[in-house]
PDB file of N, CA and C in Angstrom:
ATOM      1  N   MET A   1      74.369 113.111  91.886  1.00  0.00           N
ATOM      2  CA  MET A   1      75.585 113.423  91.241  1.00  0.00           C
ATOM      3  C   MET A   1      76.608 114.125  92.249  1.00  0.00           C
ATOM      4  N   GLU A   2      75.967 115.057  93.093  1.00  0.00           N
ATOM      5  CA  GLU A   2      76.859 115.686  94.083  1.00  0.00           C
ATOM      6  C   GLU A   2      77.756 114.761  94.894  1.00  0.00           C
ATOM      7  N   ALA A   3      76.962 113.695  95.452  1.00  0.00           N
ATOM      8  CA  ALA A   3      77.860 112.759  96.232  1.00  0.00           C
ATOM      9  C   ALA A   3      78.990 112.063  95.426  1.00  0.00           C
ATOM     10  N   LEU A   4      78.722 111.811  94.210  1.00  0.00           N
ATOM     11  CA  LEU A   4      79.840 111.283  93.359  1.00  0.00           C
ATOM     12  C   LEU A   4      80.935 112.193  93.199  1.00  0.00           C
ATOM     13  N   LEU A   5      80.411 113.474  92.930  1.00  0.00           N
ATOM     14  CA  LEU A   5      81.655 114.517  92.759  1.00  0.00           C
ATOM     15  C   LEU A   5      82.452 114.656  94.037  1.00  0.00           C
ATOM     16  N   GLU A   6      81.759 114.637  95.092  1.00  0.00           N
ATOM     17  CA  GLU A   6      82.611 114.697  96.513  1.00  0.00           C
ATOM     18  C   GLU A   6      83.459 113.575  96.552  1.00  0.00           C
ATOM     19  N   ILE A   7      83.088 112.349  96.218  1.00  0.00           N
ATOM     20  CA  ILE A   7      84.012 111.160  96.272  1.00  0.00           C
ATOM     21  C   ILE A   7      85.125 111.431  95.263  1.00  0.00           C
ATOM     22  N   LEU A   8      84.884 111.833  94.165  1.00  0.00           N
ATOM     23  CA  LEU A   8      85.986 111.975  93.252  1.00  0.00           C
ATOM     24  C   LEU A   8      86.962 113.092  93.657  1.00  0.00           C
ATOM     25  N   LYS A   9      86.438 114.228  94.180  1.00  0.00           N
ATOM     26  CA  LYS A   9      87.291 115.357  94.694  1.00  0.00           C
ATOM     27  C   LYS A   9      88.034 114.953  95.858  1.00  0.00           C
ATOM     28  N   GLU A  10      87.618 113.921  96.729  1.00  0.00           N
ATOM     29  CA  GLU A  10      88.430 113.472  97.682  1.00  0.00           C
ATOM     30  C   GLU A  10      89.777 112.766  97.164  1.00  0.00           C
ATOM     31  N   LEU A  11      89.526 111.995  96.103  1.00  0.00           N
ATOM     32  CA  LEU A  11      90.736 111.364  95.311  1.00  0.00           C
ATOM     33  C   LEU A  11      91.637 112.407  94.675  1.00  0.00           C
ATOM     34  N   HIS A  12      91.133 113.297  93.957  1.00  0.00           N
ATOM     35  CA  HIS A  12      91.895 114.324  93.261  1.00  0.00           C
ATOM     36  C   HIS A  12      91.386 115.744  93.253  1.00  0.00           C
ATOM     37  N   PRO A  13      91.595 116.465  94.314  1.00  0.00           N
ATOM     38  CA  PRO A  13      90.975 117.634  94.504  1.00  0.00           C
ATOM     39  C   PRO A  13      91.269 118.831  93.490  1.00  0.00           C
ATOM     40  N   GLU A  14      92.281 118.546  92.851  1.00  0.00           N
ATOM     41  CA  GLU A  14      92.882 119.425  91.708  1.00  0.00           C
ATOM     42  C   GLU A  14      92.167 119.276  90.410  1.00  0.00           C
ATOM     43  N   THR A  15      91.422 118.258  90.219  1.00  0.00           N
ATOM     44  CA  THR A  15      90.583 117.929  88.970  1.00  0.00           C
ATOM     45  C   THR A  15      89.312 118.435  88.875  1.00  0.00           C
ATOM     46  N   ASP A  16      88.912 119.111  87.773  1.00  0.00           N
ATOM     47  CA  ASP A  16      87.591 119.515  87.454  1.00  0.00           C
ATOM     48  C   ASP A  16      86.853 118.251  87.004  1.00  0.00           C
ATOM     49  N   PHE A  17      86.072 117.648  87.855  1.00  0.00           N
ATOM     50  CA  PHE A  17      85.477 116.418  87.275  1.00  0.00           C
ATOM     51  C   PHE A  17      84.117 116.716  86.688  1.00  0.00           C
ATOM     52  N   GLU A  18      83.585 117.931  86.751  1.00  0.00           N
ATOM     53  CA  GLU A  18      82.364 118.265  85.991  1.00  0.00           C
ATOM     54  C   GLU A  18      82.724 118.497  84.601  1.00  0.00           C
ATOM     55  N   THR A  19      83.833 118.781  84.164  1.00  0.00           N
ATOM     56  CA  THR A  19      84.193 118.925  82.657  1.00  0.00           C
ATOM     57  C   THR A  19      85.153 117.893  82.082  1.00  0.00           C
ATOM     58  N   GLU A  20      85.915 117.296  82.828  1.00  0.00           N
ATOM     59  CA  GLU A  20      86.881 116.284  82.354  1.00  0.00           C
ATOM     60  C   GLU A  20      86.289 115.010  81.839  1.00  0.00           C
ATOM     61  N   GLU A  21      86.654 114.587  80.670  1.00  0.00           N
ATOM     62  CA  GLU A  21      86.004 113.586  79.981  1.00  0.00           C
ATOM     63  C   GLU A  21      86.998 112.428  79.517  1.00  0.00           C
ATOM     64  N   ALA A  22      88.180 112.359  80.173  1.00  0.00           N
ATOM     65  CA  ALA A  22      89.161 111.497  79.755  1.00  0.00           C
ATOM     66  C   ALA A  22      89.926 111.248  81.135  1.00  0.00           C
ATOM     67  N   LEU A  23      89.228 110.895  82.184  1.00  0.00           N
ATOM     68  CA  LEU A  23      89.870 110.610  83.350  1.00  0.00           C
ATOM     69  C   LEU A  23      90.833 109.354  83.447  1.00  0.00           C
ATOM     70  N   VAL A  24      90.479 108.332  82.768  1.00  0.00           N
ATOM     71  CA  VAL A  24      91.318 107.151  82.636  1.00  0.00           C
ATOM     72  C   VAL A  24      92.299 107.356  81.556  1.00  0.00           C
ATOM     73  N   ASP A  25      91.903 107.801  80.383  1.00  0.00           N
ATOM     74  CA  ASP A  25      92.782 108.011  79.172  1.00  0.00           C
ATOM     75  C   ASP A  25      93.914 108.834  79.428  1.00  0.00           C
ATOM     76  N   ARG A  26      93.676 109.882  80.266  1.00  0.00           N
ATOM     77  CA  ARG A  26      94.803 110.820  80.541  1.00  0.00           C
ATOM     78  C   ARG A  26      95.494 110.538  81.871  1.00  0.00           C
ATOM     79  N   GLY A  27      95.088 109.437  82.487  1.00  0.00           N
ATOM     80  CA  GLY A  27      95.868 108.877  83.589  1.00  0.00           C
ATOM     81  C   GLY A  27      95.583 109.770  84.999  1.00  0.00           C
ATOM     82  N   VAL A  28      94.468 110.379  84.868  1.00  0.00           N
ATOM     83  CA  VAL A  28      94.060 111.087  86.168  1.00  0.00           C
ATOM     84  C   VAL A  28      93.621 109.971  87.178  1.00  0.00           C
ATOM     85  N   LEU A  29      92.764 109.128  86.742  1.00  0.00           N
ATOM     86  CA  LEU A  29      92.431 107.979  87.599  1.00  0.00           C
ATOM     87  C   LEU A  29      93.249 106.715  87.183  1.00  0.00           C
ATOM     88  N   VAL A  30      94.036 106.166  88.001  1.00  0.00           N
ATOM     89  CA  VAL A  30      94.710 104.945  87.897  1.00  0.00           C
ATOM     90  C   VAL A  30      94.037 103.764  88.589  1.00  0.00           C
ATOM     91  N   SER A  31      94.718 102.679  88.361  1.00  0.00           N
ATOM     92  CA  SER A  31      94.000 101.377  88.896  1.00  0.00           C
ATOM     93  C   SER A  31      93.626 101.550  90.410  1.00  0.00           C
ATOM     94  N   PHE A  32      94.578 102.049  91.164  1.00  0.00           N
ATOM     95  CA  PHE A  32      94.406 102.072  92.777  1.00  0.00           C
ATOM     96  C   PHE A  32      93.101 103.036  92.929  1.00  0.00           C
ATOM     97  N   ASP A  33      93.076 104.205  92.262  1.00  0.00           N
ATOM     98  CA  ASP A  33      91.991 105.070  92.252  1.00  0.00           C
ATOM     99  C   ASP A  33      90.625 104.463  91.967  1.00  0.00           C
ATOM    100  N   ILE A  34      90.760 103.636  90.979  1.00  0.00           N
ATOM    101  CA  ILE A  34      89.515 103.011  90.509  1.00  0.00           C
ATOM    102  C   ILE A  34      88.853 102.122  91.515  1.00  0.00           C
ATOM    103  N   VAL A  35      89.841 101.359  92.177  1.00  0.00           N
ATOM    104  CA  VAL A  35      89.538 100.298  93.184  1.00  0.00           C
ATOM    105  C   VAL A  35      88.930 101.166  94.372  1.00  0.00           C
ATOM    106  N   MET A  36      89.484 102.250  94.806  1.00  0.00           N
ATOM    107  CA  MET A  36      88.986 102.924  95.915  1.00  0.00           C
ATOM    108  C   MET A  36      87.685 103.596  95.541  1.00  0.00           C
ATOM    109  N   LEU A  37      87.562 103.881  94.376  1.00  0.00           N
ATOM    110  CA  LEU A  37      86.246 104.696  93.841  1.00  0.00           C
ATOM    111  C   LEU A  37      85.155 103.722  93.874  1.00  0.00           C
ATOM    112  N   ILE A  38      85.396 102.434  93.413  1.00  0.00           N
ATOM    113  CA  ILE A  38      84.334 101.280  93.390  1.00  0.00           C
ATOM    114  C   ILE A  38      83.919 101.151  94.764  1.00  0.00           C
ATOM    115  N   THR A  39      84.757 101.007  95.682  1.00  0.00           N
ATOM    116  CA  THR A  39      84.356 100.704  97.073  1.00  0.00           C
ATOM    117  C   THR A  39      83.521 101.711  97.744  1.00  0.00           C
ATOM    118  N   ARG A  40      83.947 103.017  97.405  1.00  0.00           N
ATOM    119  CA  ARG A  40      83.205 104.187  97.909  1.00  0.00           C
ATOM    120  C   ARG A  40      81.804 104.199  97.184  1.00  0.00           C
ATOM    121  N   ILE A  41      81.718 104.034  95.875  1.00  0.00           N
ATOM    122  CA  ILE A  41      80.491 104.139  95.176  1.00  0.00           C
ATOM    123  C   ILE A  41      79.482 102.850  95.743  1.00  0.00           C
ATOM    124  N   GLU A  42      80.015 101.786  95.746  1.00  0.00           N
ATOM    125  CA  GLU A  42      79.249 100.673  96.262  1.00  0.00           C
ATOM    126  C   GLU A  42      78.618 101.014  97.616  1.00  0.00           C
ATOM    127  N   GLU A  43      79.421 101.627  98.562  1.00  0.00           N
ATOM    128  CA  GLU A  43      78.928 101.928  99.881  1.00  0.00           C
ATOM    129  C   GLU A  43      77.932 103.157  99.831  1.00  0.00           C
ATOM    130  N   GLU A  44      78.291 104.098  99.088  1.00  0.00           N
ATOM    131  CA  GLU A  44      77.434 105.331  98.997  1.00  0.00           C
ATOM    132  C   GLU A  44      76.087 105.099  98.305  1.00  0.00           C
ATOM    133  N   PHE A  45      76.103 104.362  97.225  1.00  0.00           N
ATOM    134  CA  PHE A  45      74.927 104.216  96.385  1.00  0.00           C
ATOM    135  C   PHE A  45      74.211 102.952  96.492  1.00  0.00           C
ATOM    136  N   ASP A  46      74.708 102.077  97.288  1.00  0.00           N
ATOM    137  CA  ASP A  46      74.112 100.755  97.491  1.00  0.00           C
ATOM    138  C   ASP A  46      73.943  99.901  96.162  1.00  0.00           C
ATOM    139  N   VAL A  47      75.084  99.872  95.430  1.00  0.00           N
ATOM    140  CA  VAL A  47      75.007  99.162  94.255  1.00  0.00           C
ATOM    141  C   VAL A  47      76.339  98.314  94.206  1.00  0.00           C
ATOM    142  N   VAL A  48      76.343  97.199  93.324  1.00  0.00           N
ATOM    143  CA  VAL A  48      77.594  96.474  93.078  1.00  0.00           C
ATOM    144  C   VAL A  48      77.926  96.724  91.626  1.00  0.00           C
ATOM    145  N   ILE A  49      79.153  97.054  91.488  1.00  0.00           N
ATOM    146  CA  ILE A  49      79.640  97.302  90.099  1.00  0.00           C
ATOM    147  C   ILE A  49      80.254  95.983  89.491  1.00  0.00           C
ATOM    148  N   PRO A  50      79.553  95.290  88.560  1.00  0.00           N
ATOM    149  CA  PRO A  50      80.174  94.052  88.155  1.00  0.00           C
ATOM    150  C   PRO A  50      81.452  94.271  87.308  1.00  0.00           C
ATOM    151  N   ALA A  51      82.359  93.348  87.415  1.00  0.00           N
ATOM    152  CA  ALA A  51      83.663  93.303  86.665  1.00  0.00           C
ATOM    153  C   ALA A  51      83.549  93.852  85.203  1.00  0.00           C
ATOM    154  N   LYS A  52      82.552  93.239  84.510  1.00  0.00           N
ATOM    155  CA  LYS A  52      82.213  93.589  83.101  1.00  0.00           C
ATOM    156  C   LYS A  52      82.012  95.233  82.915  1.00  0.00           C
ATOM    157  N   ASP A  53      81.624  95.896  83.915  1.00  0.00           N
ATOM    158  CA  ASP A  53      81.429  97.308  83.764  1.00  0.00           C
ATOM    159  C   ASP A  53      82.561  98.156  84.221  1.00  0.00           C
ATOM    160  N   ILE A  54      83.660  97.550  84.595  1.00  0.00           N
ATOM    161  CA  ILE A  54      84.878  98.324  84.986  1.00  0.00           C
ATOM    162  C   ILE A  54      85.704  98.575  83.699  1.00  0.00           C
ATOM    163  N   THR A  55      85.254  99.483  82.934  1.00  0.00           N
ATOM    164  CA  THR A  55      85.872  99.752  81.690  1.00  0.00           C
ATOM    165  C   THR A  55      86.152 101.368  81.579  1.00  0.00           C
ATOM    166  N   PRO A  56      87.128 101.726  80.774  1.00  0.00           N
ATOM    167  CA  PRO A  56      87.567 103.021  80.710  1.00  0.00           C
ATOM    168  C   PRO A  56      86.233 103.981  80.320  1.00  0.00           C
ATOM    169  N   GLU A  57      85.386 103.400  79.545  1.00  0.00           N
ATOM    170  CA  GLU A  57      84.207 104.200  79.041  1.00  0.00           C
ATOM    171  C   GLU A  57      83.423 104.615  80.219  1.00  0.00           C
ATOM    172  N   HIS A  58      83.187 103.659  81.273  1.00  0.00           N
ATOM    173  CA  HIS A  58      82.410 104.056  82.348  1.00  0.00           C
ATOM    174  C   HIS A  58      83.110 105.015  83.443  1.00  0.00           C
ATOM    175  N   PHE A  59      84.465 105.062  83.261  1.00  0.00           N
ATOM    176  CA  PHE A  59      85.253 105.814  84.373  1.00  0.00           C
ATOM    177  C   PHE A  59      85.939 107.108  83.753  1.00  0.00           C
ATOM    178  N   ASN A  60      85.759 107.310  82.479  1.00  0.00           N
ATOM    179  CA  ASN A  60      86.383 108.539  81.917  1.00  0.00           C
ATOM    180  C   ASN A  60      85.797 109.813  82.253  1.00  0.00           C
ATOM    181  N   SER A  61      84.616 109.766  82.821  1.00  0.00           N
ATOM    182  CA  SER A  61      83.965 111.041  83.218  1.00  0.00           C
ATOM    183  C   SER A  61      82.984 110.780  84.389  1.00  0.00           C
ATOM    184  N   ALA A  62      82.732 111.797  85.092  1.00  0.00           N
ATOM    185  CA  ALA A  62      81.856 111.751  86.191  1.00  0.00           C
ATOM    186  C   ALA A  62      80.430 111.439  85.600  1.00  0.00           C
ATOM    187  N   LYS A  63      79.962 112.042  84.454  1.00  0.00           N
ATOM    188  CA  LYS A  63      78.801 111.838  83.856  1.00  0.00           C
ATOM    189  C   LYS A  63      78.574 110.335  83.435  1.00  0.00           C
ATOM    190  N   ALA A  64      79.541 109.831  82.870  1.00  0.00           N
ATOM    191  CA  ALA A  64      79.466 108.344  82.519  1.00  0.00           C
ATOM    192  C   ALA A  64      79.432 107.467  83.693  1.00  0.00           C
ATOM    193  N   LEU A  65      80.155 107.756  84.667  1.00  0.00           N
ATOM    194  CA  LEU A  65      80.098 106.956  85.976  1.00  0.00           C
ATOM    195  C   LEU A  65      78.762 107.030  86.603  1.00  0.00           C
ATOM    196  N   TYR A  66      78.174 108.310  86.635  1.00  0.00           N
ATOM    197  CA  TYR A  66      76.891 108.510  87.296  1.00  0.00           C
ATOM    198  C   TYR A  66      75.886 107.712  86.519  1.00  0.00           C
ATOM    199  N   ALA A  67      75.914 107.783  85.203  1.00  0.00           N
ATOM    200  CA  ALA A  67      74.959 107.003  84.302  1.00  0.00           C
ATOM    201  C   ALA A  67      75.025 105.557  84.652  1.00  0.00           C
ATOM    202  N   LEU A  68      76.241 105.172  84.870  1.00  0.00           N
ATOM    203  CA  LEU A  68      76.418 103.602  85.178  1.00  0.00           C
ATOM    204  C   LEU A  68      75.775 103.330  86.556  1.00  0.00           C
ATOM    205  N   ILE A  69      75.981 104.204  87.553  1.00  0.00           N
ATOM    206  CA  ILE A  69      75.373 104.173  88.885  1.00  0.00           C
ATOM    207  C   ILE A  69      73.843 104.012  88.811  1.00  0.00           C
ATOM    208  N   GLU A  70      73.191 105.036  88.043  1.00  0.00           N
ATOM    209  CA  GLU A  70      71.778 105.006  87.858  1.00  0.00           C
ATOM    210  C   GLU A  70      71.369 103.702  87.223  1.00  0.00           C
ATOM    211  N   GLN A  71      72.046 103.425  86.221  1.00  0.00           N
ATOM    212  CA  GLN A  71      71.609 101.917  85.557  1.00  0.00           C
ATOM    213  C   GLN A  71      71.600 100.891  86.544  1.00  0.00           C
ATOM    214  N   LEU A  72      72.685 100.793  87.331  1.00  0.00           N
ATOM    215  CA  LEU A  72      72.771  99.651  88.328  1.00  0.00           C
ATOM    216  C   LEU A  72      71.758  99.853  89.409  1.00  0.00           C
ATOM    217  N   GLN A  73      71.263 100.956  89.869  1.00  0.00           N
ATOM    218  CA  GLN A  73      70.193 101.237  90.627  1.00  0.00           C
ATOM    219  C   GLN A  73      68.777 100.792  90.103  1.00  0.00           C
ATOM    220  N   GLU A  74      68.623 101.074  88.765  1.00  0.00           N
ATOM    221  CA  GLU A  74      67.400 100.787  88.108  1.00  0.00           C
ATOM    222  C   GLU A  74      67.190  99.200  88.081  1.00  0.00           C
ATOM    223  N   GLN A  75      68.313  98.524  87.941  1.00  0.00           N
ATOM    224  CA  GLN A  75      68.322  96.959  87.824  1.00  0.00           C
ATOM    225  C   GLN A  75      67.975  96.361  89.092  1.00  0.00           C
ATOM    226  N   ASP A  76      68.328  97.104  90.250  1.00  0.00           N
ATOM    227  CA  ASP A  76      68.011  96.580  91.455  1.00  0.00           C
ATOM    228  C   ASP A  76      66.648  96.775  91.930  1.00  0.00           C
ATOM    229  N   ASP A  77      65.887  97.686  91.145  1.00  0.00           N
ATOM    230  CA  ASP A  77      64.381  98.058  91.535  1.00  0.00           C
ATOM    231  C   ASP A  77      63.424  96.943  91.069  1.00  0.00           C
TER     232      ASP A  77
END
């Protein structure tokens, strides 16, 4: 989770990603941020985020995003 928080803080250092739960809904993360985020996550965590999983529900909070990463890592095992 720490690695994910660092990636998120690089995008928006002013945001408290540990508590924010509406990153997409409130416009904190916009489409360009999400593209950058996906690239960094795929590199850092050695996963591929399928298009079907690029939804606001998965990107609205760090917790939801980390849960997606863990799910993708389990599928690769």
